[in-house]
Amino acid sequence: KQAVEGRSDLALERLLAPLGVSLSWEPAAKGPVLGARTTEEGGGVKLASVYNDGPAEAAGLAAGDVLIAWNGIKLTASGLDKRLARHQAGETVHVHAFRRDELIEADIVLATAPADKAVLAIKDKAPAAARKLRHGWLGA
């Protein structure tokens, strides 16, 4: 009932263990993140959405803002990943952006990507009971 009607996360690690399957979480992105989903617009980087409690939101940026400069250098959508790769989480970058027709400046403290990518590992040497359960679950 809690799993179907409740709001809390399922204890997947505990539920998969009897099947001989381990579950771990790792960041989907390597390196620091802005805390926003981006698209290209007018040669700049448009913040399509800004994640709650992320670095972009903490810096006062909002969805729809278009980043045009990164530490004083012109920023393009194709160059964003390269710029991020030159930094580490915790570093501050100074950006210029347009919010509609207004030029704004912000300091973004880059963050580590959240652990949001699930990694499943099937244990080859799991006990026979676990393999039988897993076979019944997967149908293979």
C-alpha atoms as a PDB file:
ATOM      1  CA  LYS A   1       0.000   0.000   0.000  1.00  0.00           C
ATOM      2  CA  GLN A   2       2.826   2.430   0.883  1.00  0.00           C
ATOM      3  CA  ALA A   3       4.630   1.683  -2.404  1.00  0.00           C
ATOM      4  CA  VAL A   4       1.499   2.305  -4.489  1.00  0.00           C
ATOM      5  CA  GLU A   5      -0.178   5.126  -2.582  1.00  0.00           C
ATOM      6  CA  GLY A   6       2.708   6.665  -0.637  1.00  0.00           C
ATOM      7  CA  ARG A   7       5.105   9.397  -1.650  1.00  0.00           C
ATOM      8  CA  SER A   8       8.361   8.168  -0.193  1.00  0.00           C
ATOM      9  CA  ASP A   9      11.053   6.535  -2.313  1.00  0.00           C
ATOM     10  CA  LEU A  10      11.068   2.778  -2.528  1.00  0.00           C
ATOM     11  CA  ALA A  11      13.964   1.004  -0.832  1.00  0.00           C
ATOM     12  CA  LEU A  12      15.088  -0.414  -4.187  1.00  0.00           C
ATOM     13  CA  GLU A  13      18.516  -1.467  -2.953  1.00  0.00           C
ATOM     14  CA  ARG A  14      16.893  -3.652  -0.263  1.00  0.00           C
ATOM     15  CA  LEU A  15      14.187  -4.979  -2.617  1.00  0.00           C
ATOM     16  CA  LEU A  16      16.647  -6.009  -5.353  1.00  0.00           C
ATOM     17  CA  ALA A  17      19.235  -7.627  -3.057  1.00  0.00           C
ATOM     18  CA  PRO A  18      17.358 -10.974  -2.714  1.00  0.00           C
ATOM     19  CA  LEU A  19      17.402 -11.236  -6.537  1.00  0.00           C
ATOM     20  CA  GLY A  20      21.187 -10.988  -6.643  1.00  0.00           C
ATOM     21  CA  VAL A  21      21.008  -7.477  -8.106  1.00  0.00           C
ATOM     22  CA  SER A  22      22.839  -4.523  -6.610  1.00  0.00           C
ATOM     23  CA  LEU A  23      21.795  -0.937  -7.198  1.00  0.00           C
ATOM     24  CA  SER A  24      23.943   2.138  -6.807  1.00  0.00           C
ATOM     25  CA  TRP A  25      23.527   5.757  -7.785  1.00  0.00           C
ATOM     26  CA  GLU A  26      26.047   7.951  -9.560  1.00  0.00           C
ATOM     27  CA  PRO A  27      25.981  11.372 -11.168  1.00  0.00           C
ATOM     28  CA  ALA A  28      24.690  11.399 -14.751  1.00  0.00           C
ATOM     29  CA  ALA A  29      27.148  14.183 -15.558  1.00  0.00           C
ATOM     30  CA  LYS A  30      30.865  14.233 -14.918  1.00  0.00           C
ATOM     31  CA  GLY A  31      32.308  17.447 -13.568  1.00  0.00           C
ATOM     32  CA  PRO A  32      30.489  20.513 -12.263  1.00  0.00           C
ATOM     33  CA  VAL A  33      26.986  21.571 -13.278  1.00  0.00           C
ATOM     34  CA  LEU A  34      25.008  24.816 -13.596  1.00  0.00           C
ATOM     35  CA  GLY A  35      21.802  23.345 -12.254  1.00  0.00           C
ATOM     36  CA  ALA A  36      19.885  24.162 -15.423  1.00  0.00           C
ATOM     37  CA  ARG A  37      18.793  22.580 -18.682  1.00  0.00           C
ATOM     38  CA  THR A  38      20.016  24.660 -21.601  1.00  0.00           C
ATOM     39  CA  THR A  39      19.252  25.237 -25.269  1.00  0.00           C
ATOM     40  CA  GLU A  40      20.805  27.444 -27.934  1.00  0.00           C
ATOM     41  CA  GLU A  41      19.258  30.819 -28.692  1.00  0.00           C
ATOM     42  CA  GLY A  42      20.650  33.723 -30.659  1.00  0.00           C
ATOM     43  CA  GLY A  43      24.206  32.509 -30.327  1.00  0.00           C
ATOM     44  CA  GLY A  44      23.904  32.340 -26.536  1.00  0.00           C
ATOM     45  CA  VAL A  45      22.910  29.702 -24.025  1.00  0.00           C
ATOM     46  CA  LYS A  46      19.252  29.910 -23.016  1.00  0.00           C
ATOM     47  CA  LEU A  47      18.303  28.500 -19.627  1.00  0.00           C
ATOM     48  CA  ALA A  48      15.309  26.383 -20.645  1.00  0.00           C
ATOM     49  CA  SER A  49      14.669  25.350 -17.045  1.00  0.00           C
ATOM     50  CA  VAL A  50      16.442  26.123 -13.796  1.00  0.00           C
ATOM     51  CA  TYR A  51      16.475  23.393 -11.159  1.00  0.00           C
ATOM     52  CA  ASN A  52      15.299  24.152  -7.629  1.00  0.00           C
ATOM     53  CA  ASP A  53      18.165  24.675  -5.180  1.00  0.00           C
ATOM     54  CA  GLY A  54      20.714  24.490  -8.011  1.00  0.00           C
ATOM     55  CA  PRO A  55      23.630  26.840  -8.674  1.00  0.00           C
ATOM     56  CA  ALA A  56      21.837  28.896 -11.355  1.00  0.00           C
ATOM     57  CA  GLU A  57      18.822  29.496  -9.117  1.00  0.00           C
ATOM     58  CA  ALA A  58      21.067  30.412  -6.178  1.00  0.00           C
ATOM     59  CA  ALA A  59      22.773  32.989  -8.420  1.00  0.00           C
ATOM     60  CA  GLY A  60      19.406  34.594  -9.200  1.00  0.00           C
ATOM     61  CA  LEU A  61      19.090  33.258 -12.740  1.00  0.00           C
ATOM     62  CA  ALA A  62      15.755  32.104 -14.124  1.00  0.00           C
ATOM     63  CA  ALA A  63      14.343  30.089 -16.993  1.00  0.00           C
ATOM     64  CA  GLY A  64      14.417  32.176 -20.147  1.00  0.00           C
ATOM     65  CA  ASP A  65      17.654  34.008 -19.300  1.00  0.00           C
ATOM     66  CA  VAL A  66      20.226  33.846 -22.107  1.00  0.00           C
ATOM     67  CA  LEU A  67      23.852  33.539 -21.002  1.00  0.00           C
ATOM     68  CA  ILE A  68      26.150  35.451 -23.347  1.00  0.00           C
ATOM     69  CA  ALA A  69      29.486  35.642 -21.493  1.00  0.00           C
ATOM     70  CA  TRP A  70      31.400  33.385 -19.091  1.00  0.00           C
ATOM     71  CA  ASN A  71      34.171  35.026 -17.062  1.00  0.00           C
ATOM     72  CA  GLY A  72      34.259  37.831 -19.635  1.00  0.00           C
ATOM     73  CA  ILE A  73      34.469  35.568 -22.710  1.00  0.00           C
ATOM     74  CA  LYS A  74      31.637  35.118 -25.244  1.00  0.00           C
ATOM     75  CA  LEU A  75      29.661  31.952 -24.502  1.00  0.00           C
ATOM     76  CA  THR A  76      28.056  29.683 -27.100  1.00  0.00           C
ATOM     77  CA  ALA A  77      25.928  26.591 -26.605  1.00  0.00           C
ATOM     78  CA  SER A  78      28.595  24.446 -28.242  1.00  0.00           C
ATOM     79  CA  GLY A  79      31.259  25.836 -25.893  1.00  0.00           C
ATOM     80  CA  LEU A  80      29.374  25.434 -22.609  1.00  0.00           C
ATOM     81  CA  ASP A  81      30.518  21.870 -21.900  1.00  0.00           C
ATOM     82  CA  LYS A  82      34.133  22.826 -22.632  1.00  0.00           C
ATOM     83  CA  ARG A  83      33.903  25.745 -20.238  1.00  0.00           C
ATOM     84  CA  LEU A  84      32.365  23.588 -17.517  1.00  0.00           C
ATOM     85  CA  ALA A  85      35.103  20.974 -17.994  1.00  0.00           C
ATOM     86  CA  ARG A  86      37.746  23.591 -17.127  1.00  0.00           C
ATOM     87  CA  HIS A  87      36.255  24.095 -13.674  1.00  0.00           C
ATOM     88  CA  GLN A  88      35.564  22.099 -10.552  1.00  0.00           C
ATOM     89  CA  ALA A  89      32.587  22.039  -8.225  1.00  0.00           C
ATOM     90  CA  GLY A  90      32.809  24.887  -5.739  1.00  0.00           C
ATOM     91  CA  GLU A  91      34.431  27.321  -8.165  1.00  0.00           C
ATOM     92  CA  THR A  92      32.653  30.579  -8.965  1.00  0.00           C
ATOM     93  CA  VAL A  93      32.127  31.808 -12.514  1.00  0.00           C
ATOM     94  CA  HIS A  94      30.929  35.292 -13.458  1.00  0.00           C
ATOM     95  CA  VAL A  95      28.305  35.357 -16.203  1.00  0.00           C
ATOM     96  CA  HIS A  96      26.531  38.033 -18.219  1.00  0.00           C
ATOM     97  CA  ALA A  97      23.028  37.270 -19.418  1.00  0.00           C
ATOM     98  CA  PHE A  98      20.021  38.878 -20.977  1.00  0.00           C
ATOM     99  CA  ARG A  99      16.685  38.665 -19.205  1.00  0.00           C
ATOM    100  CA  ARG A 100      14.383  39.842 -21.948  1.00  0.00           C
ATOM    101  CA  ASP A 101      16.176  43.096 -22.976  1.00  0.00           C
ATOM    102  CA  GLU A 102      17.953  43.725 -19.665  1.00  0.00           C
ATOM    103  CA  LEU A 103      21.636  42.842 -19.247  1.00  0.00           C
ATOM    104  CA  ILE A 104      22.276  41.148 -15.921  1.00  0.00           C
ATOM    105  CA  GLU A 105      25.357  39.755 -14.195  1.00  0.00           C
ATOM    106  CA  ALA A 106      25.587  36.851 -11.783  1.00  0.00           C
ATOM    107  CA  ASP A 107      28.167  34.797  -9.949  1.00  0.00           C
ATOM    108  CA  ILE A 108      27.442  31.073 -10.152  1.00  0.00           C
ATOM    109  CA  VAL A 109      29.050  28.694  -7.664  1.00  0.00           C
ATOM    110  CA  LEU A 110      29.282  25.462  -9.654  1.00  0.00           C
ATOM    111  CA  ALA A 111      28.094  22.273  -7.979  1.00  0.00           C
ATOM    112  CA  THR A 112      28.652  18.555  -8.234  1.00  0.00           C
ATOM    113  CA  ALA A 113      26.078  16.750 -10.339  1.00  0.00           C
ATOM    114  CA  PRO A 114      23.434  15.001  -8.219  1.00  0.00           C
ATOM    115  CA  ALA A 115      23.552  11.221  -7.957  1.00  0.00           C
ATOM    116  CA  ASP A 116      20.567  10.576 -10.220  1.00  0.00           C
ATOM    117  CA  LYS A 117      21.674   7.801 -12.557  1.00  0.00           C
ATOM    118  CA  ALA A 118      20.853   4.263 -11.460  1.00  0.00           C
ATOM    119  CA  VAL A 119      23.456   1.570 -12.009  1.00  0.00           C
ATOM    120  CA  LEU A 120      22.301  -2.036 -11.749  1.00  0.00           C
ATOM    121  CA  ALA A 121      24.729  -4.915 -11.423  1.00  0.00           C
ATOM    122  CA  ILE A 122      23.651  -8.550 -11.652  1.00  0.00           C
ATOM    123  CA  LYS A 123      25.756 -10.806  -9.481  1.00  0.00           C
ATOM    124  CA  ASP A 124      26.897 -13.812 -11.539  1.00  0.00           C
ATOM    125  CA  LYS A 125      27.737 -15.833  -8.443  1.00  0.00           C
ATOM    126  CA  ALA A 126      24.489 -15.159  -6.604  1.00  0.00           C
ATOM    127  CA  PRO A 127      23.015 -18.022  -4.577  1.00  0.00           C
ATOM    128  CA  ALA A 128      20.723 -20.404  -6.466  1.00  0.00           C
ATOM    129  CA  ALA A 129      17.654 -19.053  -4.661  1.00  0.00           C
ATOM    130  CA  ALA A 130      18.483 -15.512  -5.820  1.00  0.00           C
ATOM    131  CA  ARG A 131      19.044 -16.677  -9.404  1.00  0.00           C
ATOM    132  CA  LYS A 132      15.693 -18.498  -9.353  1.00  0.00           C
ATOM    133  CA  LEU A 133      13.891 -15.392  -8.076  1.00  0.00           C
ATOM    134  CA  ARG A 134      15.638 -13.233 -10.662  1.00  0.00           C
ATOM    135  CA  HIS A 135      14.746 -15.674 -13.439  1.00  0.00           C
ATOM    136  CA  GLY A 136      11.091 -15.547 -12.407  1.00  0.00           C
ATOM    137  CA  TRP A 137      11.176 -11.734 -12.248  1.00  0.00           C
ATOM    138  CA  LEU A 138      12.879 -11.265 -15.623  1.00  0.00           C
ATOM    139  CA  GLY A 139      11.290 -14.242 -17.327  1.00  0.00           C
ATOM    140  CA  ALA A 140      14.641 -15.244 -18.779  1.00  0.00           C
END
